[in-house]
Protein backbone atom coordinates (compact mmCIF):
# COMPACT_ATOMS: atom_id res chain seq x y z
CA MET A 1 44.34 71.10 122.26
CA SER A 2 43.11 71.86 118.91
CA LEU A 3 41.76 75.26 119.98
CA CYS A 4 45.48 76.21 121.22
CA LEU A 5 46.94 75.10 118.28
CA LYS A 6 44.44 77.18 116.26
CA MET A 7 45.25 80.14 118.23
CA ALA A 8 48.92 79.49 118.33
CA LYS A 9 48.68 79.87 114.29
CA ASN A 10 46.93 83.36 115.03
CA ARG A 11 49.88 84.33 116.81
CA TYR A 12 52.50 84.39 113.67
CA LEU A 13 52.21 88.29 113.13
CA ALA A 14 53.01 88.64 116.76
CA PHE A 15 55.96 86.14 116.39
CA LEU A 16 57.49 87.71 113.20
CA LEU A 17 57.00 91.19 114.76
CA MET A 18 58.93 90.17 117.95
CA ILE A 19 61.76 88.37 116.02
CA SER A 20 62.44 91.11 113.42
CA VAL A 21 62.56 93.77 115.97
CA TYR A 22 64.68 91.92 118.14
CA VAL A 23 67.00 90.08 115.69
CA VAL A 24 67.56 93.22 113.80
CA ALA A 25 68.49 94.90 117.34
CA LEU A 26 70.96 92.08 118.36
CA LEU A 27 72.78 92.17 115.17
CA ILE A 28 73.20 96.00 115.20
CA SER A 29 74.33 96.13 118.82
CA ILE A 30 76.79 92.96 118.15
CA THR A 31 78.25 94.59 115.06
CA ILE A 32 79.26 97.75 116.87
CA ALA A 33 80.44 95.83 119.84
CA ASN A 34 82.49 94.16 117.45
CA ARG A 35 84.16 97.17 116.11
CA THR A 36 84.41 98.96 119.03
CA SER A 37 85.62 96.50 121.98
CA LEU A 38 88.34 94.42 122.56
CA VAL A 39 87.27 90.93 121.35
CA ASN A 40 89.19 87.84 122.96
CA PHE A 41 86.92 85.53 122.09
CA LYS A 42 84.20 84.55 119.58
CA ILE A 43 81.45 85.01 122.00
CA GLU A 44 82.26 88.57 123.17
CA PRO A 45 80.46 90.61 120.67
CA TYR A 46 77.37 88.79 121.68
CA ILE A 47 77.95 89.42 125.16
CA SER A 48 78.31 92.93 124.67
CA GLY A 49 75.68 93.61 122.19
CA SER A 50 72.93 91.51 123.62
CA ASN A 51 73.40 93.18 127.28
CA SER A 52 72.21 96.59 125.90
CA VAL A 53 69.59 95.09 123.68
CA ASP A 54 68.02 92.49 126.81
CA PHE A 55 67.38 95.97 128.75
CA PHE A 56 64.69 96.00 126.72
CA LEU A 57 63.63 92.38 126.54
CA PRO A 58 60.92 92.42 128.96
CA LEU A 59 59.08 94.99 126.50
CA ILE A 60 59.74 93.16 123.53
CA VAL A 61 58.59 90.07 124.79
CA THR A 62 55.23 91.10 126.19
CA ALA A 63 54.08 93.98 124.19
CA PRO A 64 53.07 91.81 120.89
CA PHE A 65 50.86 90.00 123.08
CA THR A 66 49.25 92.10 125.55
CA TRP A 67 47.73 94.55 123.01
CA GLU A 68 45.43 91.77 121.74
CA ILE A 69 44.09 91.28 125.04
CA TYR A 70 43.07 94.67 125.27
CA TYR A 71 40.94 94.08 122.20
CA MET A 72 39.65 91.13 123.83
CA LYS A 73 38.20 93.11 127.12
CA LYS A 74 37.41 96.56 124.90
CA ASP A 75 34.80 94.92 122.43
CA ASN A 76 33.30 92.57 125.38
CA PHE A 77 34.59 89.18 123.45
CA LEU A 78 35.64 87.27 126.76
CA ASN A 79 31.92 88.04 127.57
CA THR A 80 30.13 87.30 124.64
CA LEU A 81 31.89 84.07 124.98
CA GLY A 82 29.52 83.01 127.92
CA CYS A 83 28.91 79.47 128.48
CA ARG A 84 29.50 78.45 125.09
CA ILE A 85 33.44 78.04 125.75
CA SER A 86 34.79 78.35 128.95
CA ILE A 87 36.36 81.75 129.38
CA THR A 88 39.23 81.21 131.66
CA GLY A 89 39.98 78.16 129.31
CA TYR A 90 40.12 80.23 126.54
CA VAL A 91 42.18 82.96 128.10
CA SER A 92 44.78 80.30 129.41
CA LYS A 93 44.79 78.54 125.66
CA TYR A 94 45.50 82.28 124.33
CA ILE A 95 48.31 82.92 126.90
CA ILE A 96 49.88 79.35 126.23
CA SER A 97 49.66 79.75 122.73
CA SER A 98 51.70 83.29 123.04
CA THR A 99 54.13 81.86 125.38
CA ILE A 100 54.85 79.09 122.72
CA PHE A 101 55.46 81.65 120.29
CA CYS A 102 57.77 83.90 122.59
CA LEU A 103 59.99 80.70 123.54
CA PHE A 104 60.71 80.15 119.68
CA ALA A 105 61.01 83.48 119.07
CA VAL A 106 63.60 84.12 121.88
CA PHE A 107 65.45 81.01 121.17
CA ILE A 108 65.83 81.53 116.99
CA ALA A 109 66.62 85.23 117.56
CA ASN A 110 69.92 84.62 119.93
CA LEU A 111 70.69 81.58 118.19
CA ILE A 112 71.18 83.79 115.12
CA ALA A 113 72.88 86.64 116.89
CA GLY A 114 75.37 84.12 118.61
CA PHE A 115 76.10 82.72 115.26
CA PHE A 116 76.47 85.81 113.98
CA SER A 117 79.11 87.10 116.79
CA ILE A 118 80.93 84.02 116.37
CA SER A 119 81.27 84.52 112.31
CA ILE A 120 82.19 88.17 112.43
CA ALA A 121 84.42 88.42 115.99
CA ASP A 122 87.59 90.18 115.09
CA LEU A 123 89.96 88.64 117.73
CA SER A 124 92.72 90.98 119.24
CA THR A 125 96.20 90.30 118.90
CA HIS A 126 96.67 90.88 122.35
CA THR A 127 94.43 88.26 124.86
CA TYR A 128 94.32 88.79 128.51
CA GLY A 129 93.97 84.96 129.29
CA ASP A 130 90.86 83.48 130.45
CA ASN A 131 88.72 86.42 131.39
CA LEU A 132 85.34 84.43 131.37
CA LYS A 133 86.50 81.44 133.10
CA GLY A 134 85.01 82.49 136.16
CA GLU A 135 81.37 83.09 134.38
CA ILE A 136 78.25 80.80 133.98
CA LEU A 137 79.48 77.93 131.57
CA GLY A 138 82.63 80.06 131.06
CA ASN A 139 84.74 77.25 129.85
CA LEU A 140 81.95 76.79 126.90
CA GLN A 141 81.63 80.53 126.75
CA MET A 142 85.48 80.81 125.52
CA TYR A 143 86.56 77.46 123.69
CA LYS A 144 83.20 76.05 122.39
CA PRO A 145 80.92 79.12 121.76
CA TYR A 146 78.74 77.16 119.12
CA GLN A 147 77.53 74.83 122.20
CA PHE A 148 77.45 77.73 124.86
CA ILE A 149 74.93 79.88 122.57
CA VAL A 150 72.56 77.07 121.90
CA ILE A 151 72.35 76.18 125.95
CA TRP A 152 72.15 79.62 126.87
CA SER A 153 69.29 80.65 124.06
CA LEU A 154 67.70 77.63 125.20
CA TYR A 155 67.65 78.68 128.95
CA LYS A 156 67.18 82.61 128.03
CA SER A 157 64.09 81.86 126.03
CA MET A 158 62.33 79.74 129.19
CA ILE A 159 62.97 82.83 131.45
CA THR A 160 61.56 85.47 128.65
CA THR A 161 58.50 82.83 128.41
CA LEU A 162 57.92 83.35 132.09
CA ILE A 163 58.12 86.86 131.52
CA CYS A 164 55.80 86.81 128.72
CA PHE A 165 53.28 84.81 131.09
CA PHE A 166 53.79 87.56 133.61
CA GLY A 167 52.67 90.51 131.02
CA GLN A 168 49.46 88.75 130.21
CA THR A 169 48.47 88.24 133.66
CA VAL A 170 49.09 92.10 134.58
CA ALA A 171 47.06 92.59 131.50
CA LEU A 172 44.43 91.01 132.28
CA HIS A 173 43.60 93.20 135.38
CA MET A 174 43.84 96.20 133.22
CA LYS A 175 41.60 98.44 131.00
CA ASN A 176 44.42 101.22 129.08
CA ILE A 177 46.01 99.97 126.34
CA PHE A 178 49.04 101.59 127.21
CA LEU A 179 49.42 100.23 130.62
CA MET A 180 48.85 96.88 129.49
CA VAL A 181 51.89 97.25 127.13
CA ILE A 182 53.74 99.35 129.33
CA THR A 183 53.56 98.16 132.82
CA PRO A 184 55.19 94.70 133.15
CA PHE A 185 58.44 96.53 131.82
CA ILE A 186 57.88 99.12 134.21
CA ILE A 187 57.73 96.69 137.05
CA ILE A 188 60.97 94.95 136.20
CA LEU A 189 62.76 98.16 135.77
CA LEU A 190 61.64 99.06 139.46
CA GLU A 191 62.52 95.74 140.76
CA ASN A 192 65.96 95.97 139.20
CA PHE A 193 66.28 99.74 140.40
CA VAL A 194 65.24 98.37 144.27
CA THR A 195 67.57 95.75 144.23
CA SER A 196 70.42 97.69 142.27
CA ASN A 197 69.76 100.31 145.53
CA LEU A 198 69.77 97.48 148.13
CA LYS A 199 73.15 96.59 146.74
CA ILE A 200 71.54 93.15 146.28
CA PRO A 201 71.69 93.15 142.23
CA GLN A 202 72.34 89.25 142.33
CA TYR A 203 68.42 89.01 142.95
CA SER A 204 67.17 90.91 140.24
CA LEU A 205 65.18 89.27 137.67
CA ILE A 206 67.50 91.08 135.10
CA THR A 207 70.42 89.28 136.26
CA THR A 208 68.99 86.01 135.15
CA PHE A 209 68.89 86.73 131.47
CA VAL A 210 71.81 89.35 131.08
CA LEU A 211 74.77 87.37 130.50
CA ASN A 212 77.99 87.95 132.37
CA ARG A 213 76.34 90.99 134.20
CA LEU A 214 77.68 90.70 137.52
CA ASP A 215 80.90 90.10 138.92
CA PRO A 216 80.88 85.79 139.10
CA MET A 217 81.84 85.89 142.55
CA ILE A 218 78.53 86.97 143.60
CA ILE A 219 76.45 85.10 141.40
CA SER A 220 75.03 81.40 141.96
CA LEU A 221 72.40 79.33 140.87
CA PRO A 222 70.29 79.60 143.96
CA LYS A 223 70.41 83.15 144.08
CA LEU A 224 69.55 83.28 140.60
CA ALA A 225 66.14 80.80 141.23
CA ILE A 226 65.19 83.55 143.77
CA PRO A 227 63.97 86.02 141.27
CA ILE A 228 62.76 83.46 138.95
CA SER A 229 60.42 81.65 141.89
CA ILE A 230 59.31 85.47 142.88
CA LEU A 231 57.93 85.94 139.25
CA VAL A 232 55.99 82.43 138.87
CA ILE A 233 54.50 83.03 142.20
CA THR A 234 53.29 86.43 141.38
CA MET A 235 52.46 85.34 137.95
CA VAL A 236 50.06 82.65 139.20
CA MET A 237 48.51 84.77 142.01
CA LEU A 238 47.67 87.09 139.36
CA TYR A 239 46.38 84.67 137.40
CA ILE A 240 44.04 82.78 139.86
CA HIS A 241 42.68 86.16 141.20
CA TRP A 242 41.47 87.25 137.40
CA LYS A 243 40.36 83.26 136.98
CA LYS A 244 37.97 83.78 140.32
CA ASN A 245 36.42 87.38 138.90
CA TYR A 246 35.64 85.82 135.65
CA GLU A 247 33.86 82.52 136.94
CA LYS A 248 30.96 84.34 137.66
CA TYR A 249 30.30 84.69 134.27
CA CYS A 250 29.46 80.84 133.83
């Protein structure tokens, strides 16, 4: 545990990079949405603004950490550990420390963005009823936005933490730094492209963290659980495959 905490302290630069880029992008997008969209509820600038930014969220949460895996492999750092420290144990602790930072970064960024949306929302004088009623936690979105943004930020941070973990397990199997950084993002985009063309976007991983993306009539918790389960199974299989390949060094 002490090694895990020590490595977590060394992730602060990646944490600062991630949260800075993400917060700035969210605030700019929310400001634009507030000025250009009809706003009936205080949370709506956040909904519109975050949706465009969250398209790139898989890249934002994986890129700051996958590049370091490249240098671990490039400099033969993992191999030189030998039997002094378990290679797989070290990598596991590195990934855990990175995902911890990802969890806090996404939670804090969305909390800031949501509160910012609530504070600047320029409500329209012409409302159109309960147009968010059927959405996930729709009543909270409309009438208790502070409570909603806390719950949603926590949920979203947990989903993106899985994506961060997935990105690092993919990077463990690659040697090219560009591919390490971009491949997890491309995989998720391709998955979204395939599900959209098959007319089953409710089973896309992107749907799980992009707020109010689809008609609420086709969204349900079991449907959201399917892409999350597939992601977890895939990253576990990738990690087990990598672990078996590296165990021979000890």
